[in-house]
Amino acid sequence: SLVLAMLLIIPIALQEQVMAIWFIVKGFSSSAIASVSGKTDIN
């Protein structure tokens, strides 16, 4: 039912919001981004 679906979706939505705020506040690891961009060859 709709109520059950909402109860199952709420924890996932909350986790997504917390993760977004975490990345905005704490920032992304620049060394991890550099290692990934160094391994990928666009040409």
Protein backbone atom coordinates (compact mmCIF):
# COMPACT_ATOMS: atom_id res chain seq x y z
CA SER A 1 0.00 0.00 0.00
CA LEU A 2 0.97 3.63 -0.20
CA VAL A 3 1.68 3.95 3.52
CA LEU A 4 4.04 0.97 3.47
CA ALA A 5 5.85 2.34 0.43
CA MET A 6 6.30 5.71 2.12
CA LEU A 7 7.67 4.04 5.26
CA LEU A 8 10.22 2.17 3.15
CA ILE A 9 11.21 5.23 1.12
CA ILE A 10 11.71 7.62 4.06
CA PRO A 11 14.98 6.06 5.37
CA ILE A 12 16.50 6.02 1.88
CA ALA A 13 15.51 9.63 1.23
CA LEU A 14 16.92 10.67 4.60
CA GLN A 15 20.20 8.89 3.88
CA GLU A 16 20.48 10.64 0.50
CA GLN A 17 19.96 14.05 2.12
CA VAL A 18 22.54 13.36 4.83
CA MET A 19 25.07 12.18 2.23
CA ALA A 20 24.51 15.31 0.12
CA ILE A 21 25.01 17.59 3.12
CA TRP A 22 28.07 15.57 4.19
CA PHE A 23 29.73 16.01 0.79
CA ILE A 24 28.92 19.73 0.71
CA VAL A 25 30.23 20.36 4.23
CA LYS A 26 33.20 17.99 4.33
CA GLY A 27 34.06 18.19 0.66
CA PHE A 28 35.22 15.57 -1.76
CA SER A 29 38.64 13.96 -1.52
CA SER A 30 40.73 15.81 -4.10
CA SER A 31 43.37 13.07 -4.11
CA ALA A 32 40.77 10.45 -5.02
CA ILE A 33 39.43 12.63 -7.82
CA ALA A 34 42.97 13.25 -9.11
CA SER A 35 43.79 9.53 -9.13
CA VAL A 36 40.63 8.71 -11.07
CA SER A 37 41.14 11.52 -13.59
CA GLY A 38 44.76 10.48 -14.05
CA LYS A 39 43.79 6.92 -14.92
CA THR A 40 41.16 7.81 -17.51
CA ASP A 41 42.45 8.72 -20.95
CA ILE A 42 39.94 10.69 -22.99
CA ASN A 43 41.93 10.57 -26.24
